[in-house]
Each structure stands twice: as structure tokens, then as C-alpha cells.
C-alpha atoms as a PDB file:
ATOM      1  CA  MET A   1    -109.247   0.521 -83.728  1.00  0.00           C
ATOM      2  CA  ILE A   2    -107.964  -1.994 -80.740  1.00  0.00           C
ATOM      3  CA  MET A   3    -105.607  -3.720 -83.123  1.00  0.00           C
ATOM      4  CA  VAL A   4    -104.111  -0.455 -84.131  1.00  0.00           C
ATOM      5  CA  HIS A   5    -103.543   0.462 -80.651  1.00  0.00           C
ATOM      6  CA  LEU A   6    -101.770  -2.833 -79.564  1.00  0.00           C
ATOM      7  CA  LEU A   7     -99.422  -2.602 -82.570  1.00  0.00           C
ATOM      8  CA  MET A   8     -98.692   0.710 -81.539  1.00  0.00           C
ATOM      9  CA  LEU A   9     -97.757  -0.176 -78.073  1.00  0.00           C
ATOM     10  CA  LEU A  10     -95.559  -3.021 -79.487  1.00  0.00           C
ATOM     11  CA  VAL A  11     -93.509  -0.958 -81.477  1.00  0.00           C
ATOM     12  CA  ALA A  12     -93.057   1.445 -79.316  1.00  0.00           C
ATOM     13  CA  SER A  13     -92.252  -0.984 -76.836  1.00  0.00           C
ATOM     14  CA  LEU A  14     -89.308  -2.632 -78.938  1.00  0.00           C
ATOM     15  CA  LEU A  15     -87.906   0.444 -80.520  1.00  0.00           C
ATOM     16  CA  GLY A  16     -87.488   1.310 -76.532  1.00  0.00           C
ATOM     17  CA  LEU A  17     -86.334  -1.708 -75.725  1.00  0.00           C
ATOM     18  CA  PHE A  18     -83.964  -1.253 -79.217  1.00  0.00           C
ATOM     19  CA  PHE A  19     -82.201   2.305 -77.798  1.00  0.00           C
ATOM     20  CA  SER A  20     -81.920   0.916 -74.322  1.00  0.00           C
ATOM     21  CA  TYR A  21     -79.735  -1.719 -75.847  1.00  0.00           C
ATOM     22  CA  MET A  22     -77.641   0.760 -78.166  1.00  0.00           C
ATOM     23  CA  ALA A  23     -77.240   2.829 -75.514  1.00  0.00           C
ATOM     24  CA  ILE A  24     -75.726   0.263 -73.474  1.00  0.00           C
ATOM     25  CA  THR A  25     -73.410  -0.920 -76.022  1.00  0.00           C
ATOM     26  CA  GLU A  26     -72.200   1.831 -77.497  1.00  0.00           C
ATOM     27  CA  LYS A  27     -68.848   2.764 -76.997  1.00  0.00           C
ATOM     28  CA  ASP A  28     -69.385   6.720 -78.083  1.00  0.00           C
ATOM     29  CA  LEU A  29     -70.612   8.672 -74.949  1.00  0.00           C
ATOM     30  CA  LEU A  30     -72.531  11.204 -77.035  1.00  0.00           C
ATOM     31  CA  LYS A  31     -74.236   8.425 -79.491  1.00  0.00           C
ATOM     32  CA  ALA A  32     -74.916   6.637 -75.872  1.00  0.00           C
ATOM     33  CA  ILE A  33     -76.914  10.041 -74.944  1.00  0.00           C
ATOM     34  CA  ALA A  34     -78.572  10.507 -77.848  1.00  0.00           C
ATOM     35  CA  TYR A  35     -79.909   6.940 -78.089  1.00  0.00           C
ATOM     36  CA  SER A  36     -80.921   7.160 -74.256  1.00  0.00           C
ATOM     37  CA  ALA A  37     -82.979  10.371 -75.491  1.00  0.00           C
ATOM     38  CA  GLY A  38     -84.327   8.121 -78.215  1.00  0.00           C
ATOM     39  CA  GLN A  39     -85.691   5.451 -75.425  1.00  0.00           C
ATOM     40  CA  GLY A  40     -87.418   8.160 -73.183  1.00  0.00           C
ATOM     41  CA  VAL A  41     -89.021   9.910 -76.688  1.00  0.00           C
ATOM     42  CA  ALA A  42     -90.340   5.889 -77.099  1.00  0.00           C
ATOM     43  CA  TYR A  43     -91.084   5.660 -73.887  1.00  0.00           C
ATOM     44  CA  SER A  44     -93.126   8.815 -73.436  1.00  0.00           C
ATOM     45  CA  ILE A  45     -95.242   7.647 -76.572  1.00  0.00           C
ATOM     46  CA  LEU A  46     -95.969   4.582 -74.459  1.00  0.00           C
ATOM     47  CA  PHE A  47     -96.779   6.796 -71.978  1.00  0.00           C
ATOM     48  CA  TYR A  48     -99.228   8.533 -74.354  1.00  0.00           C
ATOM     49  CA  LEU A  49    -100.948   5.331 -75.518  1.00  0.00           C
ATOM     50  CA  LEU A  50    -101.420   3.727 -72.092  1.00  0.00           C
ATOM     51  CA  MET A  51    -103.326   7.328 -71.385  1.00  0.00           C
ATOM     52  CA  ALA A  52    -101.665   8.994 -68.761  1.00  0.00           C
ATOM     53  CA  PRO A  53    -100.674  12.265 -70.260  1.00  0.00           C
ATOM     54  CA  ASP A  54     -99.320  13.587 -66.829  1.00  0.00           C
ATOM     55  CA  VAL A  55     -96.726  11.083 -66.690  1.00  0.00           C
ATOM     56  CA  VAL A  56     -95.512  12.227 -70.467  1.00  0.00           C
ATOM     57  CA  LEU A  57     -95.141  16.123 -69.269  1.00  0.00           C
ATOM     58  CA  ALA A  58     -92.976  15.201 -66.545  1.00  0.00           C
ATOM     59  CA  TYR A  59     -91.112  12.510 -68.515  1.00  0.00           C
ATOM     60  CA  ILE A  60     -90.191  14.495 -71.878  1.00  0.00           C
ATOM     61  CA  ALA A  61     -89.185  17.319 -69.523  1.00  0.00           C
ATOM     62  CA  ILE A  62     -86.717  15.420 -67.296  1.00  0.00           C
ATOM     63  CA  ALA A  63     -85.622  12.369 -69.483  1.00  0.00           C
ATOM     64  CA  VAL A  64     -85.337  13.924 -72.594  1.00  0.00           C
ATOM     65  CA  GLY A  65     -84.698  17.260 -72.037  1.00  0.00           C
ATOM     66  CA  ILE A  66     -82.588  17.911 -68.936  1.00  0.00           C
ATOM     67  CA  TYR A  67     -81.283  14.502 -68.073  1.00  0.00           C
ATOM     68  CA  SER A  68     -79.645  14.723 -71.427  1.00  0.00           C
ATOM     69  CA  ALA A  69     -78.142  18.169 -71.623  1.00  0.00           C
ATOM     70  CA  LEU A  70     -76.873  17.246 -68.136  1.00  0.00           C
ATOM     71  CA  LEU A  71     -75.041  14.469 -69.670  1.00  0.00           C
ATOM     72  CA  VAL A  72     -74.237  15.899 -72.678  1.00  0.00           C
ATOM     73  CA  PHE A  73     -72.381  19.025 -70.127  1.00  0.00           C
ATOM     74  CA  VAL A  74     -70.737  16.114 -68.215  1.00  0.00           C
ATOM     75  CA  VAL A  75     -69.207  14.544 -71.584  1.00  0.00           C
ATOM     76  CA  SER A  76     -67.771  17.539 -72.218  1.00  0.00           C
ATOM     77  CA  LYS A  77     -65.661  17.892 -69.470  1.00  0.00           C
ATOM     78  CA  THR A  78     -64.305  14.667 -69.953  1.00  0.00           C
ATOM     79  CA  THR A  79     -63.311  12.419 -72.647  1.00  0.00           C
ATOM     80  CA  ARG A  80     -66.162  11.445 -75.053  1.00  0.00           C
ATOM     81  CA  TYR A  81     -64.919   7.592 -75.664  1.00  0.00           C
ATOM     82  CA  GLU A  82     -65.040   5.076 -73.902  1.00  0.00           C
ATOM     83  CA  GLU A  83     -62.085   3.299 -72.753  1.00  0.00           C
ATOM     84  CA  ASP A  84     -61.539  -0.842 -72.655  1.00  0.00           C
END
């Protein structure tokens, strides 16, 4: 049972790291926002596995919900693609 828990922690942390890298290197800003939301979901799974449910509830509401919606609104007022 402990090995499954550790494996899930490893997978969630690697997924968060992957989504963070993709969000930083992406030129399309809407895709970068989606990757950032995916990173937030991966980290909220990580917090849940670490038995911090109060942090999970706040993190999902802020990092995945409000933050992503606000960034999509801001990107809609500017250009979608990053200039070189």
C-alpha cells in the first residue's frame, strides 16, 4: 500500500513538472494557460496525497479556476501568440 502511495506521488510530481515546462516553453498563450491549469491539477493531487485537504480546496479554486479564467480574459484583450 505504501509503494502505491509513493508511486502516485512520483507520477503526480512528474506530471506537474512536465506541465510547468510545457507552460513555460509554449508560444501559444492559450495553450500555456491550459498547461498551467494542468500543473495546478497535478499539484492539487499531490497535496491530496500528502493529506492536506484544506490546501487542496483553496488551490483548486484559485490556481485552476480564478487564475486560469483571469488569464484567458487578459489574453482575449491582447494577441494570442507570443512574438519573438
